[in-house]
């Protein structure tokens, strides 16, 4: 067809690629195999558009068999192996951490709901008992205070979990250099803000360090920034492990 179109003066070309494929409902992905390789013709029409012409007749639809279903499961296992074993990296770690955090927040949310309901029932029961026993006001008041404190504690469990995780990463920065580097850099910025130097959102870390007026402190900030960038963007565990020591030097400097 390409030769025939060119013979009558119509620009044409042969295009190679893939056609069809099979949708895998287990992974929600299309499986493209070597047997899906295909060539077709495109003709150039006035107006700057290439129009597709495929002289190949369509093949018969393949019937779904148990063997075909088995192959879909095998493709799904292969995709899982590539995604979570061969290509496992920091992005997958963060995704698993986020999924775990969402799961823990859901569990904590259900626990909070259950705790509030129990607290409301216990508070109502305490109120009824207190009305019946007027001389026990102080005792029941203390119990109500304890219940309120328990409710406040339950409400702050997610924040405590997050703070505990950040504290653990800060103590062992080489475990996750990128996250630990961000934590220590935020601490350094808070320390500098107390001294009157606040980083503008438009400043890069180097620009902020160059803006420090104290030469000695400026040198320490530049050294800290170099290790921070190596850990944050280069995933260097050695540089991340230096950040706590450098932070203490900045904190102790006058």
C-alpha atoms as a PDB file:
ATOM      1  CA  UNK A   1       0.000   0.000   0.000  1.00  0.00           C
ATOM      2  CA  UNK A   2       2.881   2.382   0.725  1.00  0.00           C
ATOM      3  CA  UNK A   3       4.328   1.858  -2.757  1.00  0.00           C
ATOM      4  CA  UNK A   4       0.897   2.270  -4.328  1.00  0.00           C
ATOM      5  CA  UNK A   5       0.224   5.558  -2.486  1.00  0.00           C
ATOM      6  CA  UNK A   6       3.624   6.959  -3.398  1.00  0.00           C
ATOM      7  CA  UNK A   7       3.045   5.944  -7.029  1.00  0.00           C
ATOM      8  CA  UNK A   8       0.009   8.247  -7.186  1.00  0.00           C
ATOM      9  CA  UNK A   9       1.856  11.111  -5.460  1.00  0.00           C
ATOM     10  CA  UNK A  10       0.579  10.696  -1.900  1.00  0.00           C
ATOM     11  CA  UNK A  11       3.317  10.843   0.783  1.00  0.00           C
ATOM     12  CA  UNK A  12       3.229   7.665   2.844  1.00  0.00           C
ATOM     13  CA  UNK A  13       5.328   5.775   5.353  1.00  0.00           C
ATOM     14  CA  UNK A  14       5.540   2.416   7.117  1.00  0.00           C
ATOM     15  CA  UNK A  15       5.192   2.555  10.913  1.00  0.00           C
ATOM     16  CA  UNK A  16       6.414  -0.204  13.239  1.00  0.00           C
ATOM     17  CA  UNK A  17       5.086  -0.681  16.737  1.00  0.00           C
ATOM     18  CA  UNK A  18       2.701  -2.761  18.782  1.00  0.00           C
ATOM     19  CA  UNK A  19      -0.998  -3.336  18.347  1.00  0.00           C
ATOM     20  CA  UNK A  20      -3.502  -4.839  20.720  1.00  0.00           C
ATOM     21  CA  UNK A  21      -2.207  -6.323  23.949  1.00  0.00           C
ATOM     22  CA  UNK A  22      -4.131  -8.008  26.742  1.00  0.00           C
ATOM     23  CA  UNK A  23      -5.573  -6.286  29.812  1.00  0.00           C
ATOM     24  CA  UNK A  24      -4.550  -7.939  33.076  1.00  0.00           C
ATOM     25  CA  UNK A  25      -7.349  -7.282  35.569  1.00  0.00           C
ATOM     26  CA  UNK A  26      -5.128  -8.484  38.430  1.00  0.00           C
ATOM     27  CA  UNK A  27      -2.580  -5.656  38.068  1.00  0.00           C
ATOM     28  CA  UNK A  28      -4.780  -3.236  36.059  1.00  0.00           C
ATOM     29  CA  UNK A  29      -2.049  -3.119  33.391  1.00  0.00           C
ATOM     30  CA  UNK A  30      -1.850  -4.035  29.724  1.00  0.00           C
ATOM     31  CA  UNK A  31       0.460  -6.935  28.832  1.00  0.00           C
ATOM     32  CA  UNK A  32       2.330  -6.314  25.563  1.00  0.00           C
ATOM     33  CA  UNK A  33       4.121  -9.326  24.131  1.00  0.00           C
ATOM     34  CA  UNK A  34       6.393  -9.858  21.152  1.00  0.00           C
ATOM     35  CA  UNK A  35       3.487 -11.384  19.256  1.00  0.00           C
ATOM     36  CA  UNK A  36       1.748  -7.987  19.425  1.00  0.00           C
ATOM     37  CA  UNK A  37       4.407  -6.415  17.149  1.00  0.00           C
ATOM     38  CA  UNK A  38       2.737  -4.909  14.110  1.00  0.00           C
ATOM     39  CA  UNK A  39       3.385  -2.666  11.070  1.00  0.00           C
ATOM     40  CA  UNK A  40       0.894  -0.370   9.342  1.00  0.00           C
ATOM     41  CA  UNK A  41       0.762   2.450   6.791  1.00  0.00           C
ATOM     42  CA  UNK A  42       0.284   6.170   7.350  1.00  0.00           C
ATOM     43  CA  UNK A  43      -0.549   8.626   4.550  1.00  0.00           C
ATOM     44  CA  UNK A  44       0.003  12.371   4.721  1.00  0.00           C
ATOM     45  CA  UNK A  45      -3.145  14.388   4.059  1.00  0.00           C
ATOM     46  CA  UNK A  46      -3.495  18.126   3.366  1.00  0.00           C
ATOM     47  CA  UNK A  47      -3.591  20.092   6.578  1.00  0.00           C
ATOM     48  CA  UNK A  48      -0.553  18.437   8.153  1.00  0.00           C
ATOM     49  CA  UNK A  49      -2.106  15.211   9.433  1.00  0.00           C
ATOM     50  CA  UNK A  50      -0.884  11.637   9.046  1.00  0.00           C
ATOM     51  CA  UNK A  51      -3.831   9.266   8.633  1.00  0.00           C
ATOM     52  CA  UNK A  52      -3.477   5.616   9.588  1.00  0.00           C
ATOM     53  CA  UNK A  53      -4.278   2.908   7.040  1.00  0.00           C
ATOM     54  CA  UNK A  54      -3.935  -0.695   8.129  1.00  0.00           C
ATOM     55  CA  UNK A  55      -4.298  -3.176   5.236  1.00  0.00           C
ATOM     56  CA  UNK A  56      -3.885  -6.153   7.581  1.00  0.00           C
ATOM     57  CA  UNK A  57      -7.227  -7.848   8.316  1.00  0.00           C
ATOM     58  CA  UNK A  58      -8.087  -8.121  12.034  1.00  0.00           C
ATOM     59  CA  UNK A  59      -7.444 -11.457  13.692  1.00  0.00           C
ATOM     60  CA  UNK A  60     -10.030 -13.528  15.421  1.00  0.00           C
ATOM     61  CA  UNK A  61     -10.695 -12.774  19.058  1.00  0.00           C
ATOM     62  CA  UNK A  62      -8.945 -15.251  21.313  1.00  0.00           C
ATOM     63  CA  UNK A  63     -11.140 -17.180  23.700  1.00  0.00           C
ATOM     64  CA  UNK A  64     -10.269 -16.968  27.393  1.00  0.00           C
ATOM     65  CA  UNK A  65      -9.013 -20.324  28.667  1.00  0.00           C
ATOM     66  CA  UNK A  66      -7.752 -21.571  31.992  1.00  0.00           C
ATOM     67  CA  UNK A  67      -4.236 -21.538  30.588  1.00  0.00           C
ATOM     68  CA  UNK A  68      -4.642 -17.890  29.549  1.00  0.00           C
ATOM     69  CA  UNK A  69      -5.858 -17.038  33.057  1.00  0.00           C
ATOM     70  CA  UNK A  70      -2.856 -18.823  34.511  1.00  0.00           C
ATOM     71  CA  UNK A  71      -0.536 -16.750  32.297  1.00  0.00           C
ATOM     72  CA  UNK A  72      -2.181 -13.563  33.598  1.00  0.00           C
ATOM     73  CA  UNK A  73      -1.333 -14.642  37.145  1.00  0.00           C
ATOM     74  CA  UNK A  74       2.246 -15.368  36.048  1.00  0.00           C
ATOM     75  CA  UNK A  75       2.499 -11.896  34.454  1.00  0.00           C
ATOM     76  CA  UNK A  76       1.167 -10.364  37.678  1.00  0.00           C
ATOM     77  CA  UNK A  77       3.804 -12.223  39.727  1.00  0.00           C
ATOM     78  CA  UNK A  78       6.534 -11.065  37.342  1.00  0.00           C
ATOM     79  CA  UNK A  79       5.314  -7.461  37.567  1.00  0.00           C
ATOM     80  CA  UNK A  80       5.290  -7.653  41.370  1.00  0.00           C
ATOM     81  CA  UNK A  81       8.829  -9.076  41.404  1.00  0.00           C
ATOM     82  CA  UNK A  82      10.139  -6.267  39.177  1.00  0.00           C
ATOM     83  CA  UNK A  83       8.314  -3.554  41.128  1.00  0.00           C
ATOM     84  CA  UNK A  84       9.009  -4.616  44.726  1.00  0.00           C
ATOM     85  CA  UNK A  85      12.219  -6.658  44.489  1.00  0.00           C
ATOM     86  CA  UNK A  86      14.312  -5.699  41.434  1.00  0.00           C
ATOM     87  CA  UNK A  87      13.374  -1.983  41.414  1.00  0.00           C
ATOM     88  CA  UNK A  88      12.920  -1.590  45.198  1.00  0.00           C
ATOM     89  CA  UNK A  89      14.297   1.832  46.194  1.00  0.00           C
ATOM     90  CA  UNK A  90      13.685   4.747  48.538  1.00  0.00           C
ATOM     91  CA  UNK A  91      10.490   5.683  46.685  1.00  0.00           C
ATOM     92  CA  UNK A  92       9.031   2.247  47.453  1.00  0.00           C
ATOM     93  CA  UNK A  93      10.176   2.573  51.069  1.00  0.00           C
ATOM     94  CA  UNK A  94       8.399   5.909  51.396  1.00  0.00           C
ATOM     95  CA  UNK A  95       5.280   4.472  49.742  1.00  0.00           C
ATOM     96  CA  UNK A  96       5.247   1.552  52.198  1.00  0.00           C
ATOM     97  CA  UNK A  97       5.806   3.985  55.080  1.00  0.00           C
ATOM     98  CA  UNK A  98       2.938   6.176  53.906  1.00  0.00           C
ATOM     99  CA  UNK A  99       0.653   3.151  53.545  1.00  0.00           C
ATOM    100  CA  UNK A 100       1.652   2.009  57.027  1.00  0.00           C
ATOM    101  CA  UNK A 101       1.021   5.490  58.412  1.00  0.00           C
ATOM    102  CA  UNK A 102      -2.401   5.610  56.771  1.00  0.00           C
ATOM    103  CA  UNK A 103      -3.208   2.189  58.188  1.00  0.00           C
ATOM    104  CA  UNK A 104      -2.028   3.178  61.664  1.00  0.00           C
ATOM    105  CA  UNK A 105      -4.031   6.424  61.491  1.00  0.00           C
ATOM    106  CA  UNK A 106      -7.131   4.456  60.537  1.00  0.00           C
ATOM    107  CA  UNK A 107      -6.582   2.084  63.472  1.00  0.00           C
ATOM    108  CA  UNK A 108      -5.948   5.006  65.823  1.00  0.00           C
ATOM    109  CA  UNK A 109      -9.048   6.776  64.488  1.00  0.00           C
ATOM    110  CA  UNK A 110     -11.203   3.739  65.226  1.00  0.00           C
ATOM    111  CA  UNK A 111      -9.614   3.462  68.660  1.00  0.00           C
ATOM    112  CA  UNK A 112     -10.332   7.138  69.319  1.00  0.00           C
ATOM    113  CA  UNK A 113     -13.966   6.730  68.260  1.00  0.00           C
ATOM    114  CA  UNK A 114     -14.341   3.710  70.502  1.00  0.00           C
ATOM    115  CA  UNK A 115     -12.599   5.534  73.351  1.00  0.00           C
ATOM    116  CA  UNK A 116     -14.825   8.601  73.006  1.00  0.00           C
ATOM    117  CA  UNK A 117     -17.959   6.463  73.080  1.00  0.00           C
ATOM    118  CA  UNK A 118     -16.721   4.602  76.120  1.00  0.00           C
ATOM    119  CA  UNK A 119     -15.706   7.875  77.718  1.00  0.00           C
ATOM    120  CA  UNK A 120     -19.133   9.391  77.125  1.00  0.00           C
ATOM    121  CA  UNK A 121     -20.853   6.327  78.613  1.00  0.00           C
ATOM    122  CA  UNK A 122     -18.540   6.287  81.612  1.00  0.00           C
ATOM    123  CA  UNK A 123     -18.962  10.025  82.103  1.00  0.00           C
ATOM    124  CA  UNK A 124     -22.753   9.674  81.993  1.00  0.00           C
ATOM    125  CA  UNK A 125     -22.584   6.791  84.455  1.00  0.00           C
ATOM    126  CA  UNK A 126     -20.306   8.821  86.729  1.00  0.00           C
ATOM    127  CA  UNK A 127     -22.680  11.769  86.576  1.00  0.00           C
ATOM    128  CA  UNK A 128     -25.631   9.615  87.568  1.00  0.00           C
ATOM    129  CA  UNK A 129     -23.679   8.060  90.380  1.00  0.00           C
ATOM    130  CA  UNK A 130     -22.462  11.446  91.559  1.00  0.00           C
ATOM    131  CA  UNK A 131     -26.005  12.776  91.633  1.00  0.00           C
ATOM    132  CA  UNK A 132     -27.025   9.798  93.750  1.00  0.00           C
ATOM    133  CA  UNK A 133     -24.086  10.074  96.118  1.00  0.00           C
ATOM    134  CA  UNK A 134     -23.575  13.755  96.826  1.00  0.00           C
ATOM    135  CA  UNK A 135     -20.807  13.191  99.349  1.00  0.00           C
ATOM    136  CA  UNK A 136     -18.573  11.538  96.691  1.00  0.00           C
ATOM    137  CA  UNK A 137     -18.139  14.679  94.548  1.00  0.00           C
ATOM    138  CA  UNK A 138     -14.396  14.949  94.936  1.00  0.00           C
ATOM    139  CA  UNK A 139     -13.748  11.290  94.175  1.00  0.00           C
ATOM    140  CA  UNK A 140     -15.834  11.287  91.000  1.00  0.00           C
ATOM    141  CA  UNK A 141     -14.314  14.599  89.968  1.00  0.00           C
ATOM    142  CA  UNK A 142     -10.866  13.054  90.009  1.00  0.00           C
ATOM    143  CA  UNK A 143     -12.115  10.144  87.951  1.00  0.00           C
ATOM    144  CA  UNK A 144     -13.569  12.533  85.377  1.00  0.00           C
ATOM    145  CA  UNK A 145     -10.243  14.388  85.189  1.00  0.00           C
ATOM    146  CA  UNK A 146      -8.414  11.107  84.576  1.00  0.00           C
ATOM    147  CA  UNK A 147     -10.881  10.203  81.825  1.00  0.00           C
ATOM    148  CA  UNK A 148     -10.430  13.601  80.165  1.00  0.00           C
ATOM    149  CA  UNK A 149      -6.661  13.203  80.272  1.00  0.00           C
ATOM    150  CA  UNK A 150      -6.977   9.750  78.729  1.00  0.00           C
ATOM    151  CA  UNK A 151      -9.168  11.187  75.972  1.00  0.00           C
ATOM    152  CA  UNK A 152      -6.622  13.942  75.259  1.00  0.00           C
ATOM    153  CA  UNK A 153      -3.863  11.353  75.175  1.00  0.00           C
ATOM    154  CA  UNK A 154      -5.780   9.206  72.678  1.00  0.00           C
ATOM    155  CA  UNK A 155      -6.424  12.267  70.476  1.00  0.00           C
ATOM    156  CA  UNK A 156      -2.683  13.005  70.294  1.00  0.00           C
ATOM    157  CA  UNK A 157      -1.518   9.439  69.589  1.00  0.00           C
ATOM    158  CA  UNK A 158      -0.963  10.067  65.808  1.00  0.00           C
ATOM    159  CA  UNK A 159       1.171  13.123  66.519  1.00  0.00           C
ATOM    160  CA  UNK A 160       3.160  11.217  69.122  1.00  0.00           C
ATOM    161  CA  UNK A 161       3.734   8.379  66.645  1.00  0.00           C
ATOM    162  CA  UNK A 162       4.974  10.868  64.036  1.00  0.00           C
ATOM    163  CA  UNK A 163       7.281  12.583  66.543  1.00  0.00           C
ATOM    164  CA  UNK A 164       8.637   9.224  67.688  1.00  0.00           C
ATOM    165  CA  UNK A 165       9.356   8.224  64.079  1.00  0.00           C
ATOM    166  CA  UNK A 166      11.168  11.527  63.390  1.00  0.00           C
ATOM    167  CA  UNK A 167      13.170  11.127  66.594  1.00  0.00           C
ATOM    168  CA  UNK A 168      14.186   7.583  65.613  1.00  0.00           C
ATOM    169  CA  UNK A 169      15.264   8.711  62.126  1.00  0.00           C
ATOM    170  CA  UNK A 170      17.226  11.627  63.590  1.00  0.00           C
ATOM    171  CA  UNK A 171      19.048   9.260  65.952  1.00  0.00           C
ATOM    172  CA  UNK A 172      19.977   6.912  63.083  1.00  0.00           C
ATOM    173  CA  UNK A 173      20.343   9.174  60.005  1.00  0.00           C
ATOM    174  CA  UNK A 174      22.265   6.573  57.989  1.00  0.00           C
ATOM    175  CA  UNK A 175      19.155   4.360  57.921  1.00  0.00           C
ATOM    176  CA  UNK A 176      17.264   6.860  55.740  1.00  0.00           C
ATOM    177  CA  UNK A 177      19.633   9.657  54.665  1.00  0.00           C
ATOM    178  CA  UNK A 178      17.104  11.712  52.684  1.00  0.00           C
ATOM    179  CA  UNK A 179      14.475  11.966  55.432  1.00  0.00           C
ATOM    180  CA  UNK A 180      17.051  12.394  58.214  1.00  0.00           C
ATOM    181  CA  UNK A 181      18.794  15.175  56.271  1.00  0.00           C
ATOM    182  CA  UNK A 182      15.523  17.121  56.005  1.00  0.00           C
ATOM    183  CA  UNK A 183      14.884  16.691  59.754  1.00  0.00           C
ATOM    184  CA  UNK A 184      18.320  17.980  60.770  1.00  0.00           C
ATOM    185  CA  UNK A 185      18.198  20.855  58.272  1.00  0.00           C
ATOM    186  CA  UNK A 186      14.869  21.993  59.749  1.00  0.00           C
ATOM    187  CA  UNK A 187      16.419  21.899  63.221  1.00  0.00           C
ATOM    188  CA  UNK A 188      19.346  23.973  62.016  1.00  0.00           C
ATOM    189  CA  UNK A 189      16.989  26.554  60.487  1.00  0.00           C
ATOM    190  CA  UNK A 190      15.048  26.824  63.761  1.00  0.00           C
ATOM    191  CA  UNK A 191      18.315  27.300  65.635  1.00  0.00           C
ATOM    192  CA  UNK A 192      19.374  30.072  63.243  1.00  0.00           C
ATOM    193  CA  UNK A 193      15.944  31.724  63.445  1.00  0.00           C
ATOM    194  CA  UNK A 194      16.415  32.088  67.212  1.00  0.00           C
ATOM    195  CA  UNK A 195      19.595  34.035  66.450  1.00  0.00           C
ATOM    196  CA  UNK A 196      17.864  36.355  63.997  1.00  0.00           C
ATOM    197  CA  UNK A 197      18.712  34.702  60.663  1.00  0.00           C
ATOM    198  CA  UNK A 198      15.594  33.395  58.962  1.00  0.00           C
ATOM    199  CA  UNK A 199      15.722  31.571  55.638  1.00  0.00           C
ATOM    200  CA  UNK A 200      13.472  33.006  52.929  1.00  0.00           C
ATOM    201  CA  UNK A 201      11.418  30.479  50.907  1.00  0.00           C
ATOM    202  CA  UNK A 202      13.064  31.867  47.781  1.00  0.00           C
ATOM    203  CA  UNK A 203      16.624  31.236  49.032  1.00  0.00           C
ATOM    204  CA  UNK A 204      18.592  28.119  48.209  1.00  0.00           C
ATOM    205  CA  UNK A 205      20.562  26.499  51.061  1.00  0.00           C
ATOM    206  CA  UNK A 206      23.803  27.987  49.662  1.00  0.00           C
ATOM    207  CA  UNK A 207      22.291  31.478  49.385  1.00  0.00           C
ATOM    208  CA  UNK A 208      21.069  31.289  52.973  1.00  0.00           C
ATOM    209  CA  UNK A 209      24.517  30.210  54.199  1.00  0.00           C
ATOM    210  CA  UNK A 210      26.210  33.036  52.265  1.00  0.00           C
ATOM    211  CA  UNK A 211      23.837  35.557  53.897  1.00  0.00           C
ATOM    212  CA  UNK A 212      25.128  34.764  57.432  1.00  0.00           C
ATOM    213  CA  UNK A 213      27.059  37.773  58.737  1.00  0.00           C
ATOM    214  CA  UNK A 214      29.258  35.961  61.280  1.00  0.00           C
ATOM    215  CA  UNK A 215      32.283  34.526  59.375  1.00  0.00           C
ATOM    216  CA  UNK A 216      32.880  31.644  61.804  1.00  0.00           C
ATOM    217  CA  UNK A 217      29.209  30.685  61.934  1.00  0.00           C
ATOM    218  CA  UNK A 218      28.954  31.110  58.168  1.00  0.00           C
ATOM    219  CA  UNK A 219      31.733  28.549  57.642  1.00  0.00           C
ATOM    220  CA  UNK A 220      29.969  26.020  59.856  1.00  0.00           C
ATOM    221  CA  UNK A 221      26.654  26.575  58.061  1.00  0.00           C
ATOM    222  CA  UNK A 222      28.358  26.057  54.686  1.00  0.00           C
ATOM    223  CA  UNK A 223      29.881  22.781  55.901  1.00  0.00           C
ATOM    224  CA  UNK A 224      26.539  21.640  57.295  1.00  0.00           C
ATOM    225  CA  UNK A 225      24.828  22.565  53.997  1.00  0.00           C
ATOM    226  CA  UNK A 226      27.331  20.534  51.957  1.00  0.00           C
ATOM    227  CA  UNK A 227      26.725  17.383  54.025  1.00  0.00           C
ATOM    228  CA  UNK A 228      22.960  18.022  53.969  1.00  0.00           C
ATOM    229  CA  UNK A 229      22.841  18.187  50.157  1.00  0.00           C
ATOM    230  CA  UNK A 230      24.995  15.053  49.786  1.00  0.00           C
ATOM    231  CA  UNK A 231      22.640  13.160  52.096  1.00  0.00           C
ATOM    232  CA  UNK A 232      19.408  14.680  50.791  1.00  0.00           C
ATOM    233  CA  UNK A 233      20.081  14.411  47.078  1.00  0.00           C
ATOM    234  CA  UNK A 234      22.913  11.859  46.947  1.00  0.00           C
ATOM    235  CA  UNK A 235      21.534   9.457  49.586  1.00  0.00           C
ATOM    236  CA  UNK A 236      24.914   9.444  51.334  1.00  0.00           C
ATOM    237  CA  UNK A 237      24.648   7.697  54.702  1.00  0.00           C
ATOM    238  CA  UNK A 238      28.106   8.928  55.788  1.00  0.00           C
ATOM    239  CA  UNK A 239      27.163  12.573  55.203  1.00  0.00           C
ATOM    240  CA  UNK A 240      23.828  12.059  56.978  1.00  0.00           C
ATOM    241  CA  UNK A 241      25.598  10.608  60.044  1.00  0.00           C
ATOM    242  CA  UNK A 242      27.739  13.795  60.279  1.00  0.00           C
ATOM    243  CA  UNK A 243      24.747  16.135  60.513  1.00  0.00           C
ATOM    244  CA  UNK A 244      24.023  15.672  64.280  1.00  0.00           C
ATOM    245  CA  UNK A 245      27.657  16.477  65.142  1.00  0.00           C
ATOM    246  CA  UNK A 246      27.720  19.539  62.862  1.00  0.00           C
ATOM    247  CA  UNK A 247      24.401  20.712  64.295  1.00  0.00           C
ATOM    248  CA  UNK A 248      25.800  20.584  67.846  1.00  0.00           C
ATOM    249  CA  UNK A 249      28.805  22.665  66.731  1.00  0.00           C
ATOM    250  CA  UNK A 250      26.452  25.299  65.283  1.00  0.00           C
ATOM    251  CA  UNK A 251      24.290  25.216  68.389  1.00  0.00           C
ATOM    252  CA  UNK A 252      27.268  25.666  70.744  1.00  0.00           C
ATOM    253  CA  UNK A 253      28.915  28.453  68.707  1.00  0.00           C
ATOM    254  CA  UNK A 254      28.640  32.065  69.956  1.00  0.00           C
END
